[in-house]
C-alpha atoms as a PDB file:
ATOM      1  CA  MET A   1     -22.933  31.105  26.412  1.00  0.00           C
ATOM      2  CA  ARG A   2     -20.495  32.754  29.660  1.00  0.00           C
ATOM      3  CA  ALA A   3     -21.166  33.392  32.703  1.00  0.00           C
ATOM      4  CA  LEU A   4     -19.220  34.044  35.689  1.00  0.00           C
ATOM      5  CA  ILE A   5     -21.539  33.853  39.204  1.00  0.00           C
ATOM      6  CA  GLN A   6     -19.696  35.335  42.276  1.00  0.00           C
ATOM      7  CA  ARG A   7     -21.252  35.015  45.373  1.00  0.00           C
ATOM      8  CA  VAL A   8     -22.380  38.111  47.636  1.00  0.00           C
ATOM      9  CA  SER A   9     -22.955  40.043  50.652  1.00  0.00           C
ATOM     10  CA  GLU A  10     -25.011  42.331  48.416  1.00  0.00           C
ATOM     11  CA  ALA A  11     -25.315  43.675  44.888  1.00  0.00           C
ATOM     12  CA  SER A  12     -25.914  46.989  42.798  1.00  0.00           C
ATOM     13  CA  VAL A  13     -26.111  47.976  39.059  1.00  0.00           C
ATOM     14  CA  THR A  14     -26.716  51.594  38.106  1.00  0.00           C
ATOM     15  CA  VAL A  15     -27.060  53.460  34.488  1.00  0.00           C
ATOM     16  CA  GLU A  16     -27.209  57.078  34.376  1.00  0.00           C
ATOM     17  CA  GLY A  17     -27.267  57.321  38.499  1.00  0.00           C
ATOM     18  CA  GLN A  18     -29.992  55.485  38.332  1.00  0.00           C
ATOM     19  CA  VAL A  19     -29.714  51.781  39.893  1.00  0.00           C
ATOM     20  CA  THR A  20     -31.507  49.118  37.877  1.00  0.00           C
ATOM     21  CA  GLY A  21     -30.699  46.168  39.909  1.00  0.00           C
ATOM     22  CA  SER A  22     -30.085  45.347  43.560  1.00  0.00           C
ATOM     23  CA  ILE A  23     -30.075  42.394  45.640  1.00  0.00           C
ATOM     24  CA  MET A  24     -28.437  41.192  49.577  1.00  0.00           C
ATOM     25  CA  GLN A  25     -27.980  37.774  49.544  1.00  0.00           C
ATOM     26  CA  GLY A  26     -27.319  35.918  46.105  1.00  0.00           C
ATOM     27  CA  TYR A  27     -25.555  35.503  42.890  1.00  0.00           C
ATOM     28  CA  VAL A  28     -23.739  38.734  40.053  1.00  0.00           C
ATOM     29  CA  ILE A  29     -24.274  36.156  37.051  1.00  0.00           C
ATOM     30  CA  LEU A  30     -22.458  38.171  34.631  1.00  0.00           C
ATOM     31  CA  VAL A  31     -23.102  37.127  30.923  1.00  0.00           C
ATOM     32  CA  GLY A  32     -21.120  36.934  27.357  1.00  0.00           C
ATOM     33  CA  VAL A  33     -23.281  35.193  24.148  1.00  0.00           C
ATOM     34  CA  THR A  34     -21.635  34.162  21.485  1.00  0.00           C
ATOM     35  CA  HIS A  35     -22.915  33.859  18.126  1.00  0.00           C
ATOM     36  CA  ASP A  36     -23.779  30.213  17.791  1.00  0.00           C
ATOM     37  CA  ASP A  37     -25.867  30.275  21.319  1.00  0.00           C
ATOM     38  CA  SER A  38     -29.558  29.327  21.861  1.00  0.00           C
ATOM     39  CA  HIS A  39     -31.891  29.157  24.008  1.00  0.00           C
ATOM     40  CA  GLN A  40     -31.092  25.391  24.767  1.00  0.00           C
ATOM     41  CA  ASP A  41     -27.562  26.949  26.092  1.00  0.00           C
ATOM     42  CA  ALA A  42     -29.281  29.362  28.164  1.00  0.00           C
ATOM     43  CA  GLU A  43     -31.574  26.753  29.881  1.00  0.00           C
ATOM     44  CA  TRP A  44     -28.900  24.934  30.919  1.00  0.00           C
ATOM     45  CA  LEU A  45     -27.725  27.222  32.886  1.00  0.00           C
ATOM     46  CA  ALA A  46     -30.747  28.294  34.518  1.00  0.00           C
ATOM     47  CA  ASN A  47     -30.791  24.985  35.895  1.00  0.00           C
ATOM     48  CA  LYS A  48     -26.425  24.650  36.399  1.00  0.00           C
ATOM     49  CA  ILE A  49     -27.188  28.244  38.327  1.00  0.00           C
ATOM     50  CA  VAL A  50     -29.716  27.535  40.256  1.00  0.00           C
ATOM     51  CA  GLY A  51     -28.476  24.647  41.044  1.00  0.00           C
ATOM     52  CA  LEU A  52     -24.971  25.032  42.635  1.00  0.00           C
ATOM     53  CA  ARG A  53     -24.285  24.678  46.088  1.00  0.00           C
ATOM     54  CA  LEU A  54     -22.408  27.519  46.548  1.00  0.00           C
ATOM     55  CA  PHE A  55     -23.092  28.185  50.509  1.00  0.00           C
ATOM     56  CA  GLU A  56     -22.423  26.716  53.318  1.00  0.00           C
ATOM     57  CA  ASP A  57     -24.571  25.102  56.070  1.00  0.00           C
ATOM     58  CA  ASP A  58     -24.354  24.693  59.937  1.00  0.00           C
ATOM     59  CA  ALA A  59     -21.156  22.396  59.025  1.00  0.00           C
ATOM     60  CA  GLY A  60     -19.635  24.935  57.772  1.00  0.00           C
ATOM     61  CA  LYS A  61     -20.044  22.959  54.007  1.00  0.00           C
ATOM     62  CA  MET A  62     -21.026  24.750  50.306  1.00  0.00           C
ATOM     63  CA  ASN A  63     -24.411  22.599  50.512  1.00  0.00           C
ATOM     64  CA  LEU A  64     -26.823  25.071  49.936  1.00  0.00           C
ATOM     65  CA  SER A  65     -27.898  26.499  46.461  1.00  0.00           C
ATOM     66  CA  LEU A  66     -29.874  29.562  45.517  1.00  0.00           C
ATOM     67  CA  VAL A  67     -33.263  28.519  45.919  1.00  0.00           C
ATOM     68  CA  ASP A  68     -32.324  27.201  49.384  1.00  0.00           C
ATOM     69  CA  ILE A  69     -31.617  30.197  50.788  1.00  0.00           C
ATOM     70  CA  GLY A  70     -33.954  31.812  49.657  1.00  0.00           C
ATOM     71  CA  GLY A  71     -30.628  34.211  47.841  1.00  0.00           C
ATOM     72  CA  SER A  72     -31.020  36.337  44.996  1.00  0.00           C
ATOM     73  CA  ALA A  73     -29.567  36.827  41.262  1.00  0.00           C
ATOM     74  CA  LEU A  74     -28.762  40.151  39.468  1.00  0.00           C
ATOM     75  CA  VAL A  75     -28.484  39.552  35.909  1.00  0.00           C
ATOM     76  CA  VAL A  76     -26.117  41.886  33.987  1.00  0.00           C
ATOM     77  CA  SER A  77     -24.602  41.299  30.189  1.00  0.00           C
ATOM     78  CA  GLN A  78     -21.173  41.475  29.737  1.00  0.00           C
ATOM     79  CA  PHE A  79     -20.046  40.850  26.317  1.00  0.00           C
ATOM     80  CA  THR A  80     -16.494  41.095  27.194  1.00  0.00           C
ATOM     81  CA  LEU A  81     -16.555  37.979  28.839  1.00  0.00           C
ATOM     82  CA  TYR A  82     -15.822  36.852  24.894  1.00  0.00           C
ATOM     83  CA  ALA A  83     -12.333  39.300  24.615  1.00  0.00           C
ATOM     84  CA  ASN A  84      -9.551  37.097  22.774  1.00  0.00           C
ATOM     85  CA  ALA A  85      -6.039  39.475  23.972  1.00  0.00           C
ATOM     86  CA  ASN A  86      -4.018  36.393  23.046  1.00  0.00           C
ATOM     87  CA  LYS A  87      -2.328  39.132  20.033  1.00  0.00           C
ATOM     88  CA  GLY A  88      -1.200  42.691  20.761  1.00  0.00           C
ATOM     89  CA  ARG A  89      -2.364  44.336  23.203  1.00  0.00           C
ATOM     90  CA  ARG A  90      -6.123  45.746  22.427  1.00  0.00           C
ATOM     91  CA  PRO A  91      -8.559  42.637  22.423  1.00  0.00           C
ATOM     92  CA  SER A  92     -11.010  41.118  20.439  1.00  0.00           C
ATOM     93  CA  PHE A  93     -14.972  40.901  20.784  1.00  0.00           C
ATOM     94  CA  THR A  94     -15.292  38.829  17.507  1.00  0.00           C
ATOM     95  CA  SER A  95     -16.474  35.783  19.783  1.00  0.00           C
ATOM     96  CA  ALA A  96     -19.189  38.457  21.195  1.00  0.00           C
ATOM     97  CA  ALA A  97     -22.582  37.848  19.418  1.00  0.00           C
ATOM     98  CA  ARG A  98     -24.099  41.053  18.192  1.00  0.00           C
ATOM     99  CA  PRO A  99     -27.007  43.127  20.076  1.00  0.00           C
ATOM    100  CA  ASP A 100     -29.529  41.407  18.213  1.00  0.00           C
ATOM    101  CA  HIS A 101     -28.375  37.552  18.853  1.00  0.00           C
ATOM    102  CA  ALA A 102     -27.224  38.575  22.733  1.00  0.00           C
ATOM    103  CA  GLU A 103     -29.722  41.131  24.153  1.00  0.00           C
ATOM    104  CA  PRO A 104     -32.924  38.052  23.834  1.00  0.00           C
ATOM    105  CA  LEU A 105     -30.700  35.309  25.755  1.00  0.00           C
ATOM    106  CA  VAL A 106     -29.917  37.362  28.439  1.00  0.00           C
ATOM    107  CA  SER A 107     -33.416  38.107  29.030  1.00  0.00           C
ATOM    108  CA  PHE A 108     -34.211  34.595  28.604  1.00  0.00           C
ATOM    109  CA  LEU A 109     -31.817  33.563  30.898  1.00  0.00           C
ATOM    110  CA  ALA A 110     -33.017  36.009  33.350  1.00  0.00           C
ATOM    111  CA  ASP A 111     -36.709  35.145  33.243  1.00  0.00           C
ATOM    112  CA  ALA A 112     -35.581  30.952  32.907  1.00  0.00           C
ATOM    113  CA  ILE A 113     -33.690  31.826  36.631  1.00  0.00           C
ATOM    114  CA  GLN A 114     -36.710  33.278  38.110  1.00  0.00           C
ATOM    115  CA  ALA A 115     -39.461  30.679  36.431  1.00  0.00           C
ATOM    116  CA  LYS A 116     -37.611  28.280  38.695  1.00  0.00           C
ATOM    117  CA  GLY A 117     -38.193  30.768  42.260  1.00  0.00           C
ATOM    118  CA  VAL A 118     -35.455  33.069  42.547  1.00  0.00           C
ATOM    119  CA  HIS A 119     -35.556  36.287  42.590  1.00  0.00           C
ATOM    120  CA  VAL A 120     -34.018  38.132  39.641  1.00  0.00           C
ATOM    121  CA  GLU A 121     -33.080  41.697  38.837  1.00  0.00           C
ATOM    122  CA  THR A 122     -30.955  42.887  36.011  1.00  0.00           C
ATOM    123  CA  GLY A 123     -28.861  45.459  34.679  1.00  0.00           C
ATOM    124  CA  VAL A 124     -29.456  46.878  31.517  1.00  0.00           C
ATOM    125  CA  PHE A 125     -28.391  45.703  28.088  1.00  0.00           C
ATOM    126  CA  GLY A 126     -25.520  47.418  26.361  1.00  0.00           C
ATOM    127  CA  ALA A 127     -25.677  50.378  29.059  1.00  0.00           C
ATOM    128  CA  MET A 128     -22.702  51.422  30.250  1.00  0.00           C
ATOM    129  CA  MET A 129     -23.193  50.228  33.939  1.00  0.00           C
ATOM    130  CA  SER A 130     -21.190  50.337  37.423  1.00  0.00           C
ATOM    131  CA  VAL A 131     -21.680  47.685  39.581  1.00  0.00           C
ATOM    132  CA  GLU A 132     -21.207  47.090  42.878  1.00  0.00           C
ATOM    133  CA  ILE A 133     -20.533  44.239  44.444  1.00  0.00           C
ATOM    134  CA  LEU A 134     -19.980  42.575  47.896  1.00  0.00           C
ATOM    135  CA  ASN A 135     -18.166  39.222  46.507  1.00  0.00           C
ATOM    136  CA  ASP A 136     -19.064  36.740  49.361  1.00  0.00           C
ATOM    137  CA  GLY A 137     -15.865  33.789  50.050  1.00  0.00           C
ATOM    138  CA  PRO A 138     -14.335  34.571  47.937  1.00  0.00           C
ATOM    139  CA  VAL A 139     -16.878  33.068  45.447  1.00  0.00           C
ATOM    140  CA  THR A 140     -16.999  32.716  41.941  1.00  0.00           C
ATOM    141  CA  LEU A 141     -17.195  30.696  38.875  1.00  0.00           C
ATOM    142  CA  MET A 142     -17.072  30.292  35.468  1.00  0.00           C
ATOM    143  CA  LEU A 143     -20.127  28.244  34.047  1.00  0.00           C
ATOM    144  CA  GLU A 144     -19.498  27.922  29.935  1.00  0.00           C
ATOM    145  CA  ARG A 145     -22.568  25.854  27.678  1.00  0.00           C
END
């Protein structure tokens, strides 16, 4: 399971002209799932994401977590995180899990983050989404389990 985390001042996701999720300060979490990912992987990622200290304290050090600042998370499924472009010019997506395996794990991850005290908004699994991100820093991290 892969999660690309971007610290944001604000972000939203729109599907067919309708905003499906919108947050102010927090993280946009783009999530990719591969074939052998499990609930344990999603739980590990949720713990890691909620505990990450990527927000600055009064001294200007990245010392505060999402919970510490009362931030939110916007969780968006993104199978392209498992793209392989090593050969040719068209990426292969064979490492990405099929929707029947990926969708429940993305939902589980969002629920696990929320259960740890973070407000969570989401995109729409499998939809063509427009994601607006005001990256703060910029701070971007890739986590993989």
